[in-house]
Amino acid sequence: MPLNPFTRDLQTSSVAELQIHRPSTVSSYWELMKPRIVLLLDFTALAAFLATPSSIDILRLVAVIAAGTLASGGAGALNSYLDEDIDRSMGRTSRRPIPQGDISPFKALIFGLALIGGGLVISALYLPLLAGLFILLGAAIYVLFYTKYLKRRTSLNIVLGGSAGSCAPLAGWAAATGNLSNAAPWLMALLVFVWTPSHFWALAMRAVSDYTRARIPMLPVVVGEKRTAQYIALNTFLLVPLSLALVWFGFGLLYLVVAGLLGFGMIMVDVKLAMNPTKARAWTAFKFSSPYLAIVFLAMALDVRLLPHYLV
């Protein structure tokens, strides 16, 4: 039966609207790389590079950011490939490119491997060997150790898996200096490692029903939200003194003020969460911790470049 003009116009309009709102192929692949994670890792690598006492080599600086972006983005794509079943079952992740059908799992696999391969080529051509090794190690830990092994097996998944992010500042420092012979880059890496649980457990508290449905043993699923909030506060009490300890390894007043103020704010937010572990407070804690790491690392770079110090 032929459609009347009014019905035909409605259907045409609906199809056009769907085409307008459907993400482009480029944006889908960009989202597959998990750009928020990539940008944060790039920033810590950049800040670590600039926080060294070395003169700035622009070629190495561009190379470490390019290689880090490709390797981290490739690891994100492989994470999405391996977690396809989890992403489909969770509301928070169900609109990612693979569950939505924008990118096939096979294409995500090839894309992820190609990106990591590109990152390794750039590292081999333009970066010291040590920097390239940590770029590769970060991707390997995230894909093989965290995603493939830890995530579905233990509530320590995000604690141990956080070592993947720690590789970014080590790569940045090694790119600038060619070595990791002083304490500063290792403390930077430790700072990322200790920051990760406070940040991610707060998000997991908000998405606890998703993780329960997907049978992922995130900490709130295993020990409950109240105990998780207490662990977040305890972890933050370790994080803040660690951040301030960097002052004894070459960073000065500017860094001390920024890290001290941000640390005090993070303690206050997380103590309130521990006292009243609601999803709203967990979201506040997550949102506060999101820029914390970037600002602290920015303070390191500015402190060294604006007020030079001797890094031991």
Protein backbone atom coordinates (compact mmCIF):
# COMPACT_ATOMS: atom_id res chain seq x y z
CA MET A 1 0.00 0.00 0.00
CA PRO A 2 1.57 3.34 -1.00
CA LEU A 3 2.41 5.80 1.73
CA ASN A 4 0.57 9.07 1.81
CA PRO A 5 2.79 12.15 1.49
CA PHE A 6 2.51 13.01 5.20
CA THR A 7 3.69 9.55 6.33
CA ARG A 8 6.44 9.47 3.72
CA ASP A 9 7.72 12.86 4.88
CA LEU A 10 7.77 11.65 8.49
CA GLN A 11 9.79 8.56 7.59
CA THR A 12 12.18 10.57 5.46
CA SER A 13 12.64 13.02 8.31
CA SER A 14 13.27 10.21 10.80
CA VAL A 15 15.90 8.59 8.58
CA ALA A 16 17.61 11.93 8.06
CA GLU A 17 17.58 12.60 11.80
CA LEU A 18 19.16 9.19 12.50
CA GLN A 19 21.84 9.86 9.91
CA ILE A 20 22.58 13.25 11.44
CA HIS A 21 22.97 11.84 14.95
CA ARG A 22 24.85 8.68 14.01
CA PRO A 23 28.54 9.15 14.87
CA SER A 24 31.01 9.37 12.03
CA THR A 25 33.59 6.64 11.46
CA VAL A 26 36.38 8.96 12.58
CA SER A 27 34.67 9.88 15.83
CA SER A 28 33.90 6.22 16.53
CA TYR A 29 37.54 5.23 16.14
CA TRP A 30 38.58 8.21 18.26
CA GLU A 31 36.20 7.12 21.00
CA LEU A 32 37.51 3.56 20.73
CA MET A 33 40.93 4.90 21.79
CA LYS A 34 39.47 6.12 25.11
CA PRO A 35 40.75 9.66 24.55
CA ARG A 36 40.26 10.90 28.11
CA ILE A 37 42.66 8.30 29.42
CA VAL A 38 45.07 8.94 26.54
CA LEU A 39 45.11 12.69 27.13
CA LEU A 40 45.78 12.31 30.86
CA LEU A 41 48.64 9.88 30.23
CA ASP A 42 50.06 12.17 27.55
CA PHE A 43 49.90 15.07 29.98
CA THR A 44 51.79 13.22 32.72
CA ALA A 45 54.43 12.20 30.17
CA LEU A 46 54.68 15.80 28.92
CA ALA A 47 54.95 17.20 32.44
CA ALA A 48 57.60 14.65 33.41
CA PHE A 49 59.55 15.55 30.25
CA LEU A 50 59.41 19.25 31.12
CA ALA A 51 60.19 18.65 34.80
CA THR A 52 63.63 17.26 34.00
CA PRO A 53 66.73 19.44 34.35
CA SER A 54 67.55 18.76 30.68
CA SER A 55 67.16 21.26 27.87
CA ILE A 56 64.04 20.72 25.78
CA ASP A 57 64.55 18.59 22.66
CA ILE A 58 61.47 19.39 20.56
CA LEU A 59 61.83 16.32 18.33
CA ARG A 60 61.90 13.97 21.33
CA LEU A 61 59.04 15.84 22.97
CA VAL A 62 56.82 15.47 19.90
CA ALA A 63 57.90 11.85 19.47
CA VAL A 64 57.08 10.78 23.03
CA ILE A 65 53.64 12.38 22.84
CA ALA A 66 52.94 10.84 19.41
CA ALA A 67 54.20 7.39 20.40
CA GLY A 68 52.41 7.54 23.73
CA THR A 69 49.15 8.59 22.09
CA LEU A 70 49.29 5.75 19.58
CA ALA A 71 50.28 3.09 22.12
CA SER A 72 47.77 4.22 24.74
CA GLY A 73 45.01 4.59 22.17
CA GLY A 74 45.82 1.17 20.76
CA ALA A 75 45.67 -0.32 24.25
CA GLY A 76 42.29 1.33 24.75
CA ALA A 77 41.01 -0.20 21.51
CA LEU A 78 42.25 -3.66 22.51
CA ASN A 79 40.62 -3.21 25.91
CA SER A 80 37.31 -2.54 24.14
CA TYR A 81 37.86 -5.60 21.93
CA LEU A 82 38.53 -7.88 24.92
CA ASP A 83 35.75 -6.38 27.03
CA GLU A 84 33.04 -6.51 24.36
CA ASP A 85 30.78 -8.72 26.49
CA ILE A 86 31.22 -6.54 29.57
CA ASP A 87 30.60 -3.31 27.67
CA ARG A 88 27.34 -4.66 26.24
CA SER A 89 26.01 -5.54 29.69
CA MET A 90 26.84 -2.27 31.46
CA GLY A 91 24.81 0.90 31.09
CA ARG A 92 27.92 3.08 31.46
CA THR A 93 29.67 1.40 28.53
CA SER A 94 26.83 0.14 26.35
CA ARG A 95 27.07 3.14 24.01
CA ARG A 96 30.71 2.57 23.14
CA PRO A 97 31.48 1.94 19.43
CA ILE A 98 31.60 -1.87 19.51
CA PRO A 99 28.35 -2.46 21.48
CA GLN A 100 26.62 0.11 19.28
CA GLY A 101 27.76 -1.69 16.12
CA ASP A 102 29.69 1.32 14.81
CA ILE A 103 32.93 -0.71 14.69
CA SER A 104 33.23 -4.49 14.44
CA PRO A 105 35.36 -6.34 17.04
CA PHE A 106 37.74 -7.52 14.30
CA LYS A 107 38.30 -3.97 13.04
CA ALA A 108 38.88 -2.81 16.64
CA LEU A 109 41.49 -5.54 17.07
CA ILE A 110 43.35 -4.57 13.88
CA PHE A 111 43.09 -0.88 14.72
CA GLY A 112 44.49 -1.40 18.22
CA LEU A 113 47.41 -3.51 17.03
CA ALA A 114 48.20 -1.02 14.26
CA LEU A 115 48.25 1.91 16.68
CA ILE A 116 50.58 0.13 19.09
CA GLY A 117 52.80 -0.86 16.18
CA GLY A 118 52.92 2.76 15.01
CA GLY A 119 53.85 3.91 18.50
CA LEU A 120 56.70 1.40 18.63
CA VAL A 121 58.02 2.50 15.22
CA ILE A 122 58.14 6.14 16.33
CA SER A 123 59.81 5.12 19.59
CA ALA A 124 62.46 3.09 17.76
CA LEU A 125 63.23 5.92 15.34
CA TYR A 126 63.22 8.97 17.58
CA LEU A 127 63.36 8.03 21.28
CA PRO A 128 65.90 6.51 23.64
CA LEU A 129 65.42 2.77 24.13
CA LEU A 130 64.33 3.20 27.75
CA ALA A 131 61.48 5.53 26.78
CA GLY A 132 60.23 3.11 24.13
CA LEU A 133 60.36 0.22 26.59
CA PHE A 134 58.10 2.03 29.06
CA ILE A 135 55.66 3.04 26.32
CA LEU A 136 55.39 -0.63 25.31
CA LEU A 137 55.24 -1.78 28.94
CA GLY A 138 52.35 0.58 29.72
CA ALA A 139 50.29 -0.79 26.82
CA ALA A 140 51.16 -4.40 27.69
CA ILE A 141 50.21 -4.01 31.35
CA TYR A 142 46.88 -2.42 30.47
CA VAL A 143 45.89 -4.99 27.84
CA LEU A 144 47.43 -8.24 29.06
CA PHE A 145 47.80 -7.83 32.81
CA TYR A 146 44.80 -5.64 33.70
CA THR A 147 42.19 -6.32 31.00
CA LYS A 148 42.98 -9.94 30.13
CA TYR A 149 43.97 -11.27 33.55
CA LEU A 150 43.15 -9.07 36.57
CA LYS A 151 39.86 -7.37 35.78
CA ARG A 152 37.63 -10.45 35.93
CA ARG A 153 39.53 -12.23 38.71
CA THR A 154 40.31 -9.98 41.67
CA SER A 155 39.21 -6.84 43.48
CA LEU A 156 42.86 -5.75 43.33
CA ASN A 157 42.42 -5.32 39.56
CA ILE A 158 42.60 -1.55 39.52
CA VAL A 159 45.32 -1.42 42.20
CA LEU A 160 47.77 -3.63 40.31
CA GLY A 161 46.57 -2.52 36.89
CA GLY A 162 47.28 1.08 37.83
CA SER A 163 50.93 0.36 37.14
CA ALA A 164 50.10 0.82 33.45
CA GLY A 165 49.54 4.54 33.98
CA SER A 166 52.76 4.79 35.98
CA CYS A 167 54.74 4.05 32.83
CA ALA A 168 53.76 7.37 31.21
CA PRO A 169 55.86 9.72 33.40
CA LEU A 170 58.75 7.25 33.29
CA ALA A 171 58.59 7.31 29.49
CA GLY A 172 58.43 11.11 29.48
CA TRP A 173 61.44 11.47 31.77
CA ALA A 174 63.45 8.85 29.88
CA ALA A 175 62.62 10.57 26.58
CA ALA A 176 64.13 13.81 27.86
CA THR A 177 67.19 12.41 29.65
CA GLY A 178 67.81 8.92 28.29
CA ASN A 179 67.96 7.54 31.83
CA LEU A 180 65.99 7.08 35.06
CA SER A 181 68.90 7.46 37.43
CA ASN A 182 67.33 9.82 39.97
CA ALA A 183 64.40 9.44 42.34
CA ALA A 184 62.03 12.06 40.90
CA PRO A 185 60.56 10.07 37.95
CA TRP A 186 60.04 7.00 40.13
CA LEU A 187 58.14 9.09 42.68
CA MET A 188 56.05 10.55 39.86
CA ALA A 189 55.24 7.01 38.72
CA LEU A 190 54.39 6.02 42.30
CA LEU A 191 52.11 9.05 42.56
CA VAL A 192 50.12 7.88 39.52
CA PHE A 193 49.99 4.37 40.93
CA VAL A 194 48.62 5.50 44.31
CA TRP A 195 46.20 8.03 42.77
CA THR A 196 44.51 5.45 40.54
CA PRO A 197 42.53 3.50 43.22
CA SER A 198 41.06 6.64 44.84
CA HIS A 199 39.99 7.86 41.41
CA PHE A 200 38.58 4.64 39.99
CA TRP A 201 36.98 3.21 43.14
CA ALA A 202 34.85 6.38 43.37
CA LEU A 203 33.61 5.75 39.83
CA ALA A 204 33.04 2.08 40.65
CA MET A 205 30.88 3.07 43.62
CA ARG A 206 28.61 5.00 41.31
CA ALA A 207 28.45 2.11 38.81
CA VAL A 208 28.31 -0.73 41.35
CA SER A 209 25.06 -2.16 39.93
CA ASP A 210 26.66 -2.32 36.47
CA TYR A 211 29.69 -4.20 37.76
CA THR A 212 27.49 -6.53 39.79
CA ARG A 213 25.42 -7.37 36.71
CA ALA A 214 28.58 -7.92 34.65
CA ARG A 215 30.11 -10.04 37.44
CA ILE A 216 33.25 -7.92 37.62
CA PRO A 217 34.80 -8.01 41.12
CA MET A 218 35.38 -4.30 41.53
CA LEU A 219 35.94 -3.38 45.15
CA PRO A 220 32.41 -2.04 45.89
CA VAL A 221 30.93 -5.29 44.56
CA VAL A 222 33.17 -7.38 46.84
CA VAL A 223 33.29 -5.40 50.10
CA GLY A 224 30.34 -3.01 49.76
CA GLU A 225 30.14 0.73 49.21
CA LYS A 226 30.71 1.75 52.83
CA ARG A 227 33.97 -0.18 53.13
CA THR A 228 35.06 1.01 49.69
CA ALA A 229 34.57 4.63 50.74
CA GLN A 230 36.77 3.98 53.76
CA TYR A 231 39.46 2.47 51.56
CA ILE A 232 39.29 5.51 49.27
CA ALA A 233 39.90 7.83 52.22
CA LEU A 234 42.73 5.64 53.50
CA ASN A 235 44.34 5.57 50.07
CA THR A 236 44.10 9.36 49.82
CA PHE A 237 45.86 9.68 53.17
CA LEU A 238 48.74 7.81 51.51
CA LEU A 239 48.53 9.81 48.29
CA VAL A 240 48.80 13.32 49.72
CA PRO A 241 51.97 12.82 51.83
CA LEU A 242 53.54 11.06 48.85
CA SER A 243 52.79 14.06 46.64
CA LEU A 244 54.37 16.40 49.18
CA ALA A 245 57.45 14.18 49.51
CA LEU A 246 58.48 15.25 46.02
CA VAL A 247 59.56 18.56 47.56
CA TRP A 248 62.55 16.73 49.06
CA PHE A 249 63.59 15.61 45.60
CA GLY A 250 63.96 18.92 43.84
CA PHE A 251 60.55 20.59 43.57
CA GLY A 252 59.97 23.91 45.28
CA LEU A 253 57.46 26.37 46.69
CA LEU A 254 55.13 26.58 43.70
CA TYR A 255 54.71 22.82 43.63
CA LEU A 256 54.36 22.63 47.41
CA VAL A 257 51.52 25.16 47.47
CA VAL A 258 49.59 23.57 44.61
CA ALA A 259 50.03 19.98 45.83
CA GLY A 260 49.21 21.01 49.41
CA LEU A 261 45.99 22.82 48.52
CA LEU A 262 44.78 20.13 46.14
CA GLY A 263 45.71 17.40 48.60
CA PHE A 264 43.79 19.10 51.40
CA GLY A 265 40.75 19.39 49.12
CA MET A 266 40.96 15.74 48.11
CA ILE A 267 41.21 14.63 51.75
CA MET A 268 38.16 16.67 52.67
CA VAL A 269 36.10 15.28 49.79
CA ASP A 270 37.08 11.68 50.48
CA VAL A 271 36.58 11.92 54.25
CA LYS A 272 33.06 13.23 53.61
CA LEU A 273 32.52 10.27 51.29
CA ALA A 274 33.70 7.86 53.98
CA MET A 275 31.32 9.43 56.49
CA ASN A 276 28.37 9.37 54.08
CA PRO A 277 29.03 6.91 51.22
CA THR A 278 26.32 7.94 48.78
CA LYS A 279 26.55 7.75 45.02
CA ALA A 280 26.31 11.54 44.81
CA ARG A 281 29.35 11.95 47.07
CA ALA A 282 31.18 9.23 45.15
CA TRP A 283 30.58 11.17 41.94
CA THR A 284 31.88 14.35 43.60
CA ALA A 285 35.01 12.47 44.71
CA PHE A 286 35.53 11.12 41.21
CA LYS A 287 35.10 14.53 39.61
CA PHE A 288 37.50 16.14 42.09
CA SER A 289 40.16 13.49 41.56
CA SER A 290 39.92 13.75 37.75
CA PRO A 291 41.86 17.03 37.37
CA TYR A 292 43.96 16.47 40.52
CA LEU A 293 46.68 14.47 38.82
CA ALA A 294 46.97 16.76 35.80
CA ILE A 295 47.23 19.90 37.94
CA VAL A 296 49.82 18.36 40.27
CA PHE A 297 51.95 17.31 37.30
CA LEU A 298 51.53 20.73 35.71
CA ALA A 299 52.81 22.26 38.96
CA MET A 300 55.90 20.06 38.77
CA ALA A 301 56.74 21.24 35.26
CA LEU A 302 56.07 24.92 36.01
CA ASP A 303 58.04 24.78 39.24
CA VAL A 304 61.15 23.44 37.47
CA ARG A 305 60.88 25.64 34.38
CA LEU A 306 59.96 28.87 36.17
CA LEU A 307 61.94 28.32 39.36
CA PRO A 308 64.80 25.94 38.46
CA HIS A 309 65.90 23.48 41.16
CA TYR A 310 68.44 20.75 41.38
CA LEU A 311 66.72 17.37 41.02
CA VAL A 312 68.47 14.69 43.05
